[in-house]
Amino acid sequence: QALIDKSQEHVEGEVTLKLYKGNVITAGRASPKSLYSSTL
């Protein structure tokens, strides 16, 4: 648990989902701590 909790320090932001007939579909995700780089 200590290891898991340490990993969550920067897990923040907002996720957009679409719920449809038993499915959970990820439509978007954004975070001020994002490591995703569109430039790269």
PDB file of all heavy atoms in Angstrom:
ATOM      1  N   GLN A   1       0.835  -1.206   0.000  1.00  0.00           N
ATOM      2  CA  GLN A   1       0.000   0.000   0.000  1.00  0.00           C
ATOM      3  C   GLN A   1       0.867   1.253   0.000  1.00  0.00           C
ATOM      4  O   GLN A   1       0.555   2.234  -0.689  1.00  0.00           O
ATOM      5  CB  GLN A   1      -0.923   0.009   1.218  1.00  0.00           C
ATOM      6  CG  GLN A   1      -2.003   1.082   1.140  1.00  0.00           C
ATOM      7  CD  GLN A   1      -3.062   0.747   0.101  1.00  0.00           C
ATOM      8  OE1 GLN A   1      -3.689  -0.290   0.156  1.00  0.00           O
ATOM      9  NE2 GLN A   1      -3.245   1.651  -0.860  1.00  0.00           N
ATOM     10  N   ALA A   2       1.961   1.219   0.764  1.00  0.00           N
ATOM     11  CA  ALA A   2       2.856   2.371   0.806  1.00  0.00           C
ATOM     12  C   ALA A   2       3.452   2.638  -0.575  1.00  0.00           C
ATOM     13  O   ALA A   2       3.560   3.796  -1.011  1.00  0.00           O
ATOM     14  CB  ALA A   2       3.964   2.135   1.832  1.00  0.00           C
ATOM     15  N   LEU A   3       3.823   1.586  -1.270  1.00  0.00           N
ATOM     16  CA  LEU A   3       4.358   1.730  -2.631  1.00  0.00           C
ATOM     17  C   LEU A   3       3.297   2.305  -3.564  1.00  0.00           C
ATOM     18  O   LEU A   3       3.553   3.232  -4.336  1.00  0.00           O
ATOM     19  CB  LEU A   3       4.841   0.370  -3.128  1.00  0.00           C
ATOM     20  CG  LEU A   3       5.518   0.280  -4.502  1.00  0.00           C
ATOM     21  CD1 LEU A   3       6.436  -0.940  -4.541  1.00  0.00           C
ATOM     22  CD2 LEU A   3       4.508   0.170  -5.636  1.00  0.00           C
ATOM     23  N   ILE A   4       2.090   1.738  -3.476  1.00  0.00           N
ATOM     24  CA  ILE A   4       0.989   2.188  -4.334  1.00  0.00           C
ATOM     25  C   ILE A   4       0.661   3.649  -4.071  1.00  0.00           C
ATOM     26  O   ILE A   4       0.507   4.459  -4.997  1.00  0.00           O
ATOM     27  CB  ILE A   4      -0.247   1.289  -4.114  1.00  0.00           C
ATOM     28  CG1 ILE A   4       0.028  -0.117  -4.664  1.00  0.00           C
ATOM     29  CG2 ILE A   4      -1.493   1.902  -4.752  1.00  0.00           C
ATOM     30  CD1 ILE A   4      -0.868  -1.183  -4.089  1.00  0.00           C
ATOM     31  N   ASP A   5       0.554   4.022  -2.792  1.00  0.00           N
ATOM     32  CA  ASP A   5       0.202   5.396  -2.440  1.00  0.00           C
ATOM     33  C   ASP A   5       1.279   6.377  -2.907  1.00  0.00           C
ATOM     34  O   ASP A   5       0.977   7.500  -3.334  1.00  0.00           O
ATOM     35  CB  ASP A   5      -0.019   5.521  -0.933  1.00  0.00           C
ATOM     36  CG  ASP A   5      -1.267   4.782  -0.466  1.00  0.00           C
ATOM     37  OD1 ASP A   5      -2.050   4.333  -1.326  1.00  0.00           O
ATOM     38  OD2 ASP A   5      -1.450   4.648   0.759  1.00  0.00           O
ATOM     39  N   LYS A   6       2.550   5.970  -2.830  1.00  0.00           N
ATOM     40  CA  LYS A   6       3.638   6.824  -3.322  1.00  0.00           C
ATOM     41  C   LYS A   6       3.461   7.101  -4.820  1.00  0.00           C
ATOM     42  O   LYS A   6       3.708   8.225  -5.293  1.00  0.00           O
ATOM     43  CB  LYS A   6       4.982   6.136  -3.063  1.00  0.00           C
ATOM     44  CG  LYS A   6       6.192   6.866  -3.627  1.00  0.00           C
ATOM     45  CD  LYS A   6       6.432   8.195  -2.926  1.00  0.00           C
ATOM     46  CE  LYS A   6       7.681   8.878  -3.447  1.00  0.00           C
ATOM     47  NZ  LYS A   6       7.881  10.225  -2.841  1.00  0.00           N
ATOM     48  N   SER A   7       2.996   6.108  -5.552  1.00  0.00           N
ATOM     49  CA  SER A   7       2.825   6.264  -7.005  1.00  0.00           C
ATOM     50  C   SER A   7       1.722   7.248  -7.366  1.00  0.00           C
ATOM     51  O   SER A   7       1.657   7.718  -8.502  1.00  0.00           O
ATOM     52  CB  SER A   7       2.518   4.906  -7.648  1.00  0.00           C
ATOM     53  OG  SER A   7       1.169   4.513  -7.406  1.00  0.00           O
ATOM     54  N   GLN A   8       0.862   7.564  -6.415  1.00  0.00           N
ATOM     55  CA  GLN A   8      -0.315   8.373  -6.725  1.00  0.00           C
ATOM     56  C   GLN A   8      -0.138   9.871  -6.459  1.00  0.00           C
ATOM     57  O   GLN A   8      -1.080  10.651  -6.626  1.00  0.00           O
ATOM     58  CB  GLN A   8      -1.508   7.865  -5.897  1.00  0.00           C
ATOM     59  CG  GLN A   8      -1.852   6.403  -6.132  1.00  0.00           C
ATOM     60  CD  GLN A   8      -2.313   6.118  -7.545  1.00  0.00           C
ATOM     61  OE1 GLN A   8      -3.394   6.510  -7.953  1.00  0.00           O
ATOM     62  NE2 GLN A   8      -1.477   5.433  -8.321  1.00  0.00           N
ATOM     63  N   GLU A   9       1.056  10.279  -6.073  1.00  0.00           N
ATOM     64  CA  GLU A   9       1.285  11.676  -5.696  1.00  0.00           C
ATOM     65  C   GLU A   9       0.907  12.664  -6.799  1.00  0.00           C
ATOM     66  O   GLU A   9       0.443  13.771  -6.524  1.00  0.00           O
ATOM     67  CB  GLU A   9       2.748  11.879  -5.303  1.00  0.00           C
ATOM     68  CG  GLU A   9       3.111  11.225  -3.974  1.00  0.00           C
ATOM     69  CD  GLU A   9       4.575  11.422  -3.611  1.00  0.00           C
ATOM     70  OE1 GLU A   9       5.355  11.858  -4.496  1.00  0.00           O
ATOM     71  OE2 GLU A   9       4.936  11.161  -2.453  1.00  0.00           O
ATOM     72  N   HIS A  10       1.098  12.283  -8.045  1.00  0.00           N
ATOM     73  CA  HIS A  10       0.818  13.197  -9.162  1.00  0.00           C
ATOM     74  C   HIS A  10      -0.356  12.731 -10.028  1.00  0.00           C
ATOM     75  O   HIS A  10      -0.542  13.240 -11.137  1.00  0.00           O
ATOM     76  CB  HIS A  10       2.070  13.350 -10.028  1.00  0.00           C
ATOM     77  CG  HIS A  10       3.252  13.886  -9.280  1.00  0.00           C
ATOM     78  ND1 HIS A  10       3.285  15.149  -8.737  1.00  0.00           N
ATOM     79  CD2 HIS A  10       4.440  13.306  -8.946  1.00  0.00           C
ATOM     80  CE1 HIS A  10       4.434  15.347  -8.127  1.00  0.00           C
ATOM     81  NE2 HIS A  10       5.156  14.235  -8.233  1.00  0.00           N
ATOM     82  N   VAL A  11      -1.131  11.788  -9.502  1.00  0.00           N
ATOM     83  CA  VAL A  11      -2.283  11.283 -10.265  1.00  0.00           C
ATOM     84  C   VAL A  11      -3.475  12.199 -10.004  1.00  0.00           C
ATOM     85  O   VAL A  11      -4.262  11.991  -9.080  1.00  0.00           O
ATOM     86  CB  VAL A  11      -2.598   9.810  -9.901  1.00  0.00           C
ATOM     87  CG1 VAL A  11      -3.805   9.315 -10.696  1.00  0.00           C
ATOM     88  CG2 VAL A  11      -1.380   8.938 -10.185  1.00  0.00           C
ATOM     89  N   GLU A  12      -3.559  13.241 -10.786  1.00  0.00           N
ATOM     90  CA  GLU A  12      -4.658  14.196 -10.643  1.00  0.00           C
ATOM     91  C   GLU A  12      -5.068  14.708 -12.016  1.00  0.00           C
ATOM     92  O   GLU A  12      -4.307  14.645 -12.975  1.00  0.00           O
ATOM     93  CB  GLU A  12      -4.257  15.360  -9.738  1.00  0.00           C
ATOM     94  CG  GLU A  12      -3.130  16.227 -10.273  1.00  0.00           C
ATOM     95  CD  GLU A  12      -2.818  17.395  -9.350  1.00  0.00           C
ATOM     96  OE1 GLU A  12      -2.162  17.173  -8.325  1.00  0.00           O
ATOM     97  OE2 GLU A  12      -3.238  18.527  -9.681  1.00  0.00           O
ATOM     98  N   GLY A  13      -6.299  15.193 -12.082  1.00  0.00           N
ATOM     99  CA  GLY A  13      -6.828  15.676 -13.348  1.00  0.00           C
ATOM    100  C   GLY A  13      -8.252  15.231 -13.543  1.00  0.00           C
ATOM    101  O   GLY A  13      -8.949  14.899 -12.571  1.00  0.00           O
ATOM    102  N   GLU A  14      -8.706  15.215 -14.775  1.00  0.00           N
ATOM    103  CA  GLU A  14     -10.100  14.881 -15.068  1.00  0.00           C
ATOM    104  C   GLU A  14     -10.182  13.944 -16.264  1.00  0.00           C
ATOM    105  O   GLU A  14      -9.471  14.107 -17.252  1.00  0.00           O
ATOM    106  CB  GLU A  14     -10.896  16.158 -15.345  1.00  0.00           C
ATOM    107  CG  GLU A  14     -12.401  15.940 -15.408  1.00  0.00           C
ATOM    108  CD  GLU A  14     -13.160  17.252 -15.482  1.00  0.00           C
ATOM    109  OE1 GLU A  14     -12.997  17.982 -16.488  1.00  0.00           O
ATOM    110  OE2 GLU A  14     -13.907  17.559 -14.538  1.00  0.00           O
ATOM    111  N   VAL A  15     -11.060  12.963 -16.138  1.00  0.00           N
ATOM    112  CA  VAL A  15     -11.275  11.971 -17.187  1.00  0.00           C
ATOM    113  C   VAL A  15     -12.705  12.101 -17.698  1.00  0.00           C
ATOM    114  O   VAL A  15     -13.644  12.235 -16.917  1.00  0.00           O
ATOM    115  CB  VAL A  15     -11.037  10.541 -16.654  1.00  0.00           C
ATOM    116  CG1 VAL A  15     -11.406   9.503 -17.703  1.00  0.00           C
ATOM    117  CG2 VAL A  15      -9.589  10.368 -16.214  1.00  0.00           C
ATOM    118  N   THR A  16     -12.866  12.053 -19.000  1.00  0.00           N
ATOM    119  CA  THR A  16     -14.183  12.072 -19.621  1.00  0.00           C
ATOM    120  C   THR A  16     -14.520  10.669 -20.121  1.00  0.00           C
ATOM    121  O   THR A  16     -13.742  10.069 -20.867  1.00  0.00           O
ATOM    122  CB  THR A  16     -14.232  13.066 -20.797  1.00  0.00           C
ATOM    123  OG1 THR A  16     -13.861  14.365 -20.337  1.00  0.00           O
ATOM    124  CG2 THR A  16     -15.639  13.122 -21.386  1.00  0.00           C
ATOM    125  N   LEU A  17     -15.664  10.170 -19.687  1.00  0.00           N
ATOM    126  CA  LEU A  17     -16.101   8.824 -20.057  1.00  0.00           C
ATOM    127  C   LEU A  17     -17.452   8.876 -20.751  1.00  0.00           C
ATOM    128  O   LEU A  17     -18.269   9.764 -20.476  1.00  0.00           O
ATOM    129  CB  LEU A  17     -16.228   7.941 -18.813  1.00  0.00           C
ATOM    130  CG  LEU A  17     -15.010   7.740 -17.929  1.00  0.00           C
ATOM    131  CD1 LEU A  17     -15.405   6.983 -16.670  1.00  0.00           C
ATOM    132  CD2 LEU A  17     -13.911   7.001 -18.680  1.00  0.00           C
ATOM    133  N   LYS A  18     -17.673   7.897 -21.617  1.00  0.00           N
ATOM    134  CA  LYS A  18     -19.002   7.674 -22.175  1.00  0.00           C
ATOM    135  C   LYS A  18     -19.485   6.301 -21.716  1.00  0.00           C
ATOM    136  O   LYS A  18     -18.764   5.304 -21.876  1.00  0.00           O
ATOM    137  CB  LYS A  18     -18.978   7.761 -23.699  1.00  0.00           C
ATOM    138  CG  LYS A  18     -18.789   9.179 -24.211  1.00  0.00           C
ATOM    139  CD  LYS A  18     -18.983   9.281 -25.714  1.00  0.00           C
ATOM    140  CE  LYS A  18     -18.905  10.742 -26.160  1.00  0.00           C
ATOM    141  NZ  LYS A  18     -19.134  10.879 -27.620  1.00  0.00           N
ATOM    142  N   LEU A  19     -20.658   6.281 -21.120  1.00  0.00           N
ATOM    143  CA  LEU A  19     -21.240   5.045 -20.603  1.00  0.00           C
ATOM    144  C   LEU A  19     -22.319   4.593 -21.576  1.00  0.00           C
ATOM    145  O   LEU A  19     -23.264   5.337 -21.867  1.00  0.00           O
ATOM    146  CB  LEU A  19     -21.841   5.291 -19.211  1.00  0.00           C
ATOM    147  CG  LEU A  19     -20.961   6.069 -18.225  1.00  0.00           C
ATOM    148  CD1 LEU A  19     -21.698   6.289 -16.909  1.00  0.00           C
ATOM    149  CD2 LEU A  19     -19.631   5.363 -17.998  1.00  0.00           C
ATOM    150  N   TYR A  20     -22.178   3.367 -22.072  1.00  0.00           N
ATOM    151  CA  TYR A  20     -23.101   2.934 -23.125  1.00  0.00           C
ATOM    152  C   TYR A  20     -23.290   1.418 -23.090  1.00  0.00           C
ATOM    153  O   TYR A  20     -22.354   0.662 -23.346  1.00  0.00           O
ATOM    154  CB  TYR A  20     -22.580   3.360 -24.492  1.00  0.00           C
ATOM    155  CG  TYR A  20     -23.497   3.030 -25.651  1.00  0.00           C
ATOM    156  CD1 TYR A  20     -24.730   3.664 -25.787  1.00  0.00           C
ATOM    157  CD2 TYR A  20     -23.127   2.084 -26.593  1.00  0.00           C
ATOM    158  CE1 TYR A  20     -25.573   3.368 -26.847  1.00  0.00           C
ATOM    159  CE2 TYR A  20     -23.970   1.775 -27.657  1.00  0.00           C
ATOM    160  CZ  TYR A  20     -25.198   2.417 -27.784  1.00  0.00           C
ATOM    161  OH  TYR A  20     -26.032   2.111 -28.829  1.00  0.00           O
ATOM    162  N   LYS A  21     -24.487   1.011 -22.738  1.00  0.00           N
ATOM    163  CA  LYS A  21     -24.892  -0.398 -22.812  1.00  0.00           C
ATOM    164  C   LYS A  21     -23.848  -1.361 -22.228  1.00  0.00           C
ATOM    165  O   LYS A  21     -23.363  -2.271 -22.885  1.00  0.00           O
ATOM    166  CB  LYS A  21     -25.232  -0.785 -24.253  1.00  0.00           C
ATOM    167  CG  LYS A  21     -26.512  -0.122 -24.773  1.00  0.00           C
ATOM    168  CD  LYS A  21     -26.910  -0.674 -26.110  1.00  0.00           C
ATOM    169  CE  LYS A  21     -28.230  -0.075 -26.580  1.00  0.00           C
ATOM    170  NZ  LYS A  21     -29.386  -0.433 -25.726  1.00  0.00           N
ATOM    171  N   GLY A  22     -23.500  -1.124 -20.974  1.00  0.00           N
ATOM    172  CA  GLY A  22     -22.567  -2.004 -20.290  1.00  0.00           C
ATOM    173  C   GLY A  22     -21.109  -1.668 -20.486  1.00  0.00           C
ATOM    174  O   GLY A  22     -20.241  -2.284 -19.854  1.00  0.00           O
ATOM    175  N   ASN A  23     -20.813  -0.704 -21.338  1.00  0.00           N
ATOM    176  CA  ASN A  23     -19.426  -0.347 -21.641  1.00  0.00           C
ATOM    177  C   ASN A  23     -19.038   0.980 -21.002  1.00  0.00           C
ATOM    178  O   ASN A  23     -19.863   1.893 -20.883  1.00  0.00           O
ATOM    179  CB  ASN A  23     -19.225  -0.238 -23.156  1.00  0.00           C
ATOM    180  CG  ASN A  23     -19.393  -1.570 -23.854  1.00  0.00           C
ATOM    181  OD1 ASN A  23     -18.612  -2.490 -23.659  1.00  0.00           O
ATOM    182  ND2 ASN A  23     -20.441  -1.684 -24.660  1.00  0.00           N
ATOM    183  N   VAL A  24     -17.765   1.064 -20.609  1.00  0.00           N
ATOM    184  CA  VAL A  24     -17.185   2.312 -20.125  1.00  0.00           C
ATOM    185  C   VAL A  24     -16.106   2.711 -21.124  1.00  0.00           C
ATOM    186  O   VAL A  24     -15.075   2.046 -21.231  1.00  0.00           O
ATOM    187  CB  VAL A  24     -16.579   2.154 -18.723  1.00  0.00           C
ATOM    188  CG1 VAL A  24     -16.063   3.504 -18.226  1.00  0.00           C
ATOM    189  CG2 VAL A  24     -17.609   1.586 -17.747  1.00  0.00           C
ATOM    190  N   ILE A  25     -16.365   3.780 -21.863  1.00  0.00           N
ATOM    191  CA  ILE A  25     -15.485   4.180 -22.961  1.00  0.00           C
ATOM    192  C   ILE A  25     -14.770   5.474 -22.581  1.00  0.00           C
ATOM    193  O   ILE A  25     -15.408   6.480 -22.262  1.00  0.00           O
ATOM    194  CB  ILE A  25     -16.302   4.403 -24.250  1.00  0.00           C
ATOM    195  CG1 ILE A  25     -17.096   3.137 -24.594  1.00  0.00           C
ATOM    196  CG2 ILE A  25     -15.402   4.814 -25.408  1.00  0.00           C
ATOM    197  CD1 ILE A  25     -18.254   3.379 -25.542  1.00  0.00           C
ATOM    198  N   THR A  26     -13.454   5.451 -22.601  1.00  0.00           N
ATOM    199  CA  THR A  26     -12.677   6.654 -22.301  1.00  0.00           C
ATOM    200  C   THR A  26     -12.695   7.581 -23.507  1.00  0.00           C
ATOM    201  O   THR A  26     -12.298   7.201 -24.609  1.00  0.00           O
ATOM    202  CB  THR A  26     -11.226   6.300 -21.937  1.00  0.00           C
ATOM    203  OG1 THR A  26     -11.225   5.415 -20.812  1.00  0.00           O
ATOM    204  CG2 THR A  26     -10.438   7.547 -21.592  1.00  0.00           C
ATOM    205  N   ALA A  27     -13.157   8.814 -23.268  1.00  0.00           N
ATOM    206  CA  ALA A  27     -13.258   9.790 -24.355  1.00  0.00           C
ATOM    207  C   ALA A  27     -12.204  10.885 -24.247  1.00  0.00           C
ATOM    208  O   ALA A  27     -11.909  11.576 -25.229  1.00  0.00           O
ATOM    209  CB  ALA A  27     -14.657  10.411 -24.371  1.00  0.00           C
ATOM    210  N   GLY A  28     -11.645  11.073 -23.052  1.00  0.00           N
ATOM    211  CA  GLY A  28     -10.630  12.113 -22.888  1.00  0.00           C
ATOM    212  C   GLY A  28     -10.024  12.070 -21.511  1.00  0.00           C
ATOM    213  O   GLY A  28     -10.598  11.499 -20.583  1.00  0.00           O
ATOM    214  N   ARG A  29      -8.828  12.628 -21.381  1.00  0.00           N
ATOM    215  CA  ARG A  29      -8.162  12.737 -20.097  1.00  0.00           C
ATOM    216  C   ARG A  29      -7.224  13.932 -20.129  1.00  0.00           C
ATOM    217  O   ARG A  29      -6.560  14.178 -21.146  1.00  0.00           O
ATOM    218  CB  ARG A  29      -7.441  11.445 -19.703  1.00  0.00           C
ATOM    219  CG  ARG A  29      -6.233  11.015 -20.490  1.00  0.00           C
ATOM    220  CD  ARG A  29      -6.508  10.585 -21.886  1.00  0.00           C
ATOM    221  NE  ARG A  29      -6.788   9.154 -22.031  1.00  0.00           N
ATOM    222  CZ  ARG A  29      -7.282   8.652 -23.135  1.00  0.00           C
ATOM    223  NH1 ARG A  29      -7.530   9.447 -24.185  1.00  0.00           N
ATOM    224  NH2 ARG A  29      -7.523   7.372 -23.246  1.00  0.00           N
ATOM    225  N   ALA A  30      -7.195  14.701 -19.023  1.00  0.00           N
ATOM    226  CA  ALA A  30      -6.369  15.905 -18.952  1.00  0.00           C
ATOM    227  C   ALA A  30      -5.849  16.066 -17.530  1.00  0.00           C
ATOM    228  O   ALA A  30      -6.548  15.743 -16.563  1.00  0.00           O
ATOM    229  CB  ALA A  30      -7.168  17.137 -19.359  1.00  0.00           C
ATOM    230  N   SER A  31      -4.605  16.557 -17.415  1.00  0.00           N
ATOM    231  CA  SER A  31      -4.010  16.734 -16.097  1.00  0.00           C
ATOM    232  C   SER A  31      -2.942  17.814 -16.128  1.00  0.00           C
ATOM    233  O   SER A  31      -2.150  17.880 -17.072  1.00  0.00           O
ATOM    234  CB  SER A  31      -3.386  15.419 -15.613  1.00  0.00           C
ATOM    235  OG  SER A  31      -2.624  15.627 -14.436  1.00  0.00           O
ATOM    236  N   PRO A  32      -2.878  18.641 -15.066  1.00  0.00           N
ATOM    237  CA  PRO A  32      -1.769  19.596 -14.966  1.00  0.00           C
ATOM    238  C   PRO A  32      -0.433  18.895 -14.710  1.00  0.00           C
ATOM    239  O   PRO A  32       0.627  19.497 -14.858  1.00  0.00           O
ATOM    240  CB  PRO A  32      -2.173  20.475 -13.777  1.00  0.00           C
ATOM    241  CG  PRO A  32      -3.087  19.612 -12.956  1.00  0.00           C
ATOM    242  CD  PRO A  32      -3.825  18.777 -13.945  1.00  0.00           C
ATOM    243  N   LYS A  33      -0.490  17.610 -14.329  1.00  0.00           N
ATOM    244  CA  LYS A  33       0.724  16.825 -14.076  1.00  0.00           C
ATOM    245  C   LYS A  33       0.989  15.821 -15.203  1.00  0.00           C
ATOM    246  O   LYS A  33       1.723  14.858 -15.009  1.00  0.00           O
ATOM    247  CB  LYS A  33       0.577  16.078 -12.746  1.00  0.00           C
ATOM    248  CG  LYS A  33       0.316  16.955 -11.526  1.00  0.00           C
ATOM    249  CD  LYS A  33       1.547  17.753 -11.141  1.00  0.00           C
ATOM    250  CE  LYS A  33       1.328  18.552  -9.869  1.00  0.00           C
ATOM    251  NZ  LYS A  33       1.226  17.698  -8.671  1.00  0.00           N
ATOM    252  N   SER A  34       0.404  16.047 -16.349  1.00  0.00           N
ATOM    253  CA  SER A  34       0.515  15.090 -17.454  1.00  0.00           C
ATOM    254  C   SER A  34       1.953  14.939 -17.948  1.00  0.00           C
ATOM    255  O   SER A  34       2.701  15.913 -18.052  1.00  0.00           O
ATOM    256  CB  SER A  34      -0.371  15.532 -18.621  1.00  0.00           C
ATOM    257  OG  SER A  34      -0.225  14.640 -19.718  1.00  0.00           O
ATOM    258  N   LEU A  35       2.325  13.704 -18.254  1.00  0.00           N
ATOM    259  CA  LEU A  35       3.619  13.395 -18.868  1.00  0.00           C
ATOM    260  C   LEU A  35       3.492  13.230 -20.381  1.00  0.00           C
ATOM    261  O   LEU A  35       4.491  12.977 -21.067  1.00  0.00           O
ATOM    262  CB  LEU A  35       4.193  12.108 -18.259  1.00  0.00           C
ATOM    263  CG  LEU A  35       4.546  12.170 -16.765  1.00  0.00           C
ATOM    264  CD1 LEU A  35       4.926  10.783 -16.259  1.00  0.00           C
ATOM    265  CD2 LEU A  35       5.666  13.160 -16.515  1.00  0.00           C
ATOM    266  N   TYR A  36       2.290  13.367 -20.880  1.00  0.00           N
ATOM    267  CA  TYR A  36       2.058  13.221 -22.317  1.00  0.00           C
ATOM    268  C   TYR A  36       2.510  14.479 -23.046  1.00  0.00           C
ATOM    269  O   TYR A  36       2.155  15.603 -22.663  1.00  0.00           O
ATOM    270  CB  TYR A  36       0.573  12.968 -22.583  1.00  0.00           C
ATOM    271  CG  TYR A  36       0.240  12.737 -24.038  1.00  0.00           C
ATOM    272  CD1 TYR A  36       0.289  11.463 -24.582  1.00  0.00           C
ATOM    273  CD2 TYR A  36      -0.116  13.795 -24.872  1.00  0.00           C
ATOM    274  CE1 TYR A  36      -0.007  11.238 -25.917  1.00  0.00           C
ATOM    275  CE2 TYR A  36      -0.416  13.580 -26.201  1.00  0.00           C
ATOM    276  CZ  TYR A  36      -0.363  12.302 -26.721  1.00  0.00           C
ATOM    277  OH  TYR A  36      -0.648  12.092 -28.042  1.00  0.00           O
ATOM    278  N   SER A  37       3.284  14.303 -24.090  1.00  0.00           N
ATOM    279  CA  SER A  37       3.788  15.448 -24.859  1.00  0.00           C
ATOM    280  C   SER A  37       3.418  15.283 -26.325  1.00  0.00           C
ATOM    281  O   SER A  37       3.937  14.399 -27.013  1.00  0.00           O
ATOM    282  CB  SER A  37       5.310  15.565 -24.721  1.00  0.00           C
ATOM    283  OG  SER A  37       5.823  16.525 -25.641  1.00  0.00           O
ATOM    284  N   SER A  38       2.544  16.148 -26.811  1.00  0.00           N
ATOM    285  CA  SER A  38       2.168  16.097 -28.224  1.00  0.00           C
ATOM    286  C   SER A  38       3.345  16.490 -29.107  1.00  0.00           C
ATOM    287  O   SER A  38       3.453  16.050 -30.260  1.00  0.00           O
ATOM    288  CB  SER A  38       0.977  17.016 -28.492  1.00  0.00           C
ATOM    289  OG  SER A  38       1.271  18.344 -28.099  1.00  0.00           O
ATOM    290  N   THR A  39       4.260  17.290 -28.551  1.00  0.00           N
ATOM    291  CA  THR A  39       5.455  17.687 -29.312  1.00  0.00           C
ATOM    292  C   THR A  39       6.325  16.466 -29.606  1.00  0.00           C
ATOM    293  O   THR A  39       6.879  16.321 -30.704  1.00  0.00           O
ATOM    294  CB  THR A  39       6.268  18.724 -28.523  1.00  0.00           C
ATOM    295  OG1 THR A  39       5.443  19.848 -28.241  1.00  0.00           O
ATOM    296  CG2 THR A  39       7.492  19.173 -29.311  1.00  0.00           C
ATOM    297  N   LEU A  40       6.447  15.577 -28.620  1.00  0.00           N
ATOM    298  CA  LEU A  40       7.289  14.396 -28.804  1.00  0.00           C
ATOM    299  C   LEU A  40       6.666  13.379 -29.755  1.00  0.00           C
ATOM    300  O   LEU A  40       7.382  12.708 -30.497  1.00  0.00           O
ATOM    301  CB  LEU A  40       7.554  13.728 -27.446  1.00  0.00           C
ATOM    302  CG  LEU A  40       8.535  14.446 -26.517  1.00  0.00           C
ATOM    303  CD1 LEU A  40       8.582  13.749 -25.158  1.00  0.00           C
ATOM    304  CD2 LEU A  40       9.933  14.493 -27.128  1.00  0.00           C
TER     305      LEU A  40
END
